[in-house]
Amino acid sequence: MSKKSDTEGMIASAIPTVDVFSILANPVRRQILADSRKRALSATEISQSFKNLKRPAVSEHLQSLRRAGLLREEHWGAIGSIILIRGRLLSSIIGPSGRTGRR
């Protein structure tokens, strides 16, 4: 193994693995990502767009997306906004080597 491969292996083992495909299988999460592409949204705004879901359910979806590294939350005083991490979705699916699937 080359030094680069050793380093990539150490980094990969240090990063918690999240099954991005399982997260994206949920239509609510896909809609949250689509909505947050346009602009930063508050958790309240996101909750209001899902009339059939209670806020705790939406919060769980947001937490899953944050754990996967697809969204982040920023606070400006008392105001918090949910922001899509651009490019993270593609790199989560493809991986750091630019390959899909198993080696």
Protein backbone atom coordinates (compact mmCIF):
# COMPACT_ATOMS: atom_id res chain seq x y z
CA MET A 1 0.00 0.00 0.00
CA SER A 2 1.17 3.49 -0.73
CA LYS A 3 1.24 6.22 1.90
CA LYS A 4 -1.73 7.88 0.24
CA SER A 5 -3.79 4.70 0.59
CA ASP A 6 -2.81 4.36 4.25
CA THR A 7 -3.83 7.95 4.92
CA GLU A 8 -7.14 7.56 3.07
CA GLY A 9 -7.85 4.42 5.09
CA MET A 10 -7.16 6.20 8.39
CA ILE A 11 -9.39 9.11 7.40
CA ALA A 12 -12.16 6.80 6.21
CA SER A 13 -12.08 4.84 9.46
CA ALA A 14 -12.23 8.06 11.53
CA ILE A 15 -15.34 9.33 9.74
CA PRO A 16 -18.58 7.75 10.96
CA THR A 17 -20.27 5.96 8.09
CA VAL A 18 -23.80 6.97 7.28
CA ASP A 19 -25.80 5.19 4.64
CA VAL A 20 -26.62 8.19 2.46
CA PHE A 21 -28.86 6.08 0.24
CA SER A 22 -31.04 5.10 3.22
CA ILE A 23 -31.29 8.74 4.21
CA LEU A 24 -32.23 9.78 0.67
CA ALA A 25 -34.79 6.99 0.36
CA ASN A 26 -37.19 9.07 2.44
CA PRO A 27 -39.26 11.53 0.35
CA VAL A 28 -39.49 14.05 3.20
CA ARG A 29 -35.69 14.27 3.42
CA ARG A 30 -35.38 14.63 -0.35
CA GLN A 31 -37.92 17.46 -0.27
CA ILE A 32 -36.03 19.20 2.56
CA LEU A 33 -32.83 19.04 0.49
CA ALA A 34 -34.64 20.34 -2.60
CA ASP A 35 -36.19 23.23 -0.66
CA SER A 36 -32.91 24.17 1.02
CA ARG A 37 -31.14 24.36 -2.36
CA LYS A 38 -32.96 27.61 -3.11
CA ARG A 39 -32.10 29.48 0.10
CA ALA A 40 -31.35 29.07 3.79
CA LEU A 41 -34.48 28.10 5.71
CA SER A 42 -35.41 28.08 9.36
CA ALA A 43 -36.59 24.84 10.95
CA THR A 44 -40.00 26.49 11.36
CA GLU A 45 -40.21 27.24 7.63
CA ILE A 46 -39.31 23.67 6.82
CA SER A 47 -41.90 22.33 9.29
CA GLN A 48 -44.61 24.54 7.80
CA SER A 49 -44.08 23.03 4.37
CA PHE A 50 -45.08 19.59 5.72
CA LYS A 51 -48.66 19.97 6.89
CA ASN A 52 -49.04 16.24 7.67
CA LEU A 53 -45.94 16.03 9.94
CA LYS A 54 -45.48 17.31 13.47
CA ARG A 55 -42.36 19.35 14.31
CA PRO A 56 -40.63 16.51 16.21
CA ALA A 57 -40.82 14.31 13.10
CA VAL A 58 -39.36 17.07 10.93
CA SER A 59 -36.62 17.61 13.54
CA GLU A 60 -35.67 13.93 13.31
CA HIS A 61 -35.38 14.22 9.53
CA LEU A 62 -33.21 17.34 9.88
CA GLN A 63 -30.98 15.57 12.40
CA SER A 64 -30.50 12.63 10.00
CA LEU A 65 -29.51 15.01 7.22
CA ARG A 66 -27.10 16.88 9.51
CA ARG A 67 -25.52 13.61 10.72
CA ALA A 68 -24.97 12.64 7.09
CA GLY A 69 -23.24 15.97 6.54
CA LEU A 70 -25.79 17.10 3.95
CA LEU A 71 -27.14 20.05 5.95
CA ARG A 72 -25.72 22.33 8.58
CA GLU A 73 -27.39 24.73 10.96
CA GLU A 74 -26.10 28.23 11.56
CA HIS A 75 -27.33 30.66 14.18
CA TRP A 76 -27.38 34.44 14.00
CA GLY A 77 -28.51 35.49 17.44
CA ALA A 78 -31.83 33.77 18.14
CA ILE A 79 -32.38 32.96 14.48
CA GLY A 80 -31.21 29.63 13.11
CA SER A 81 -31.07 28.64 9.47
CA ILE A 82 -30.73 25.26 7.82
CA ILE A 83 -28.22 25.36 4.97
CA LEU A 84 -27.51 22.75 2.31
CA ILE A 85 -23.85 21.79 2.13
CA ARG A 86 -23.31 22.06 -1.61
CA GLY A 87 -21.29 19.30 -3.19
CA ARG A 88 -21.50 17.12 -0.09
CA LEU A 89 -24.35 15.04 -1.50
CA LEU A 90 -22.41 14.04 -4.60
CA SER A 91 -19.21 13.35 -2.69
CA SER A 92 -21.19 11.24 -0.18
CA ILE A 93 -22.49 9.07 -2.98
CA ILE A 94 -19.35 8.89 -5.09
CA GLY A 95 -16.76 8.92 -2.30
CA PRO A 96 -13.40 10.66 -1.99
CA SER A 97 -11.78 8.53 -4.70
CA GLY A 98 -14.38 9.53 -7.29
CA ARG A 99 -15.53 5.93 -7.66
CA THR A 100 -18.96 4.48 -7.02
CA GLY A 101 -19.53 0.97 -5.74
CA ARG A 102 -17.02 -1.37 -4.17
CA ARG A 103 -13.42 -1.79 -5.18
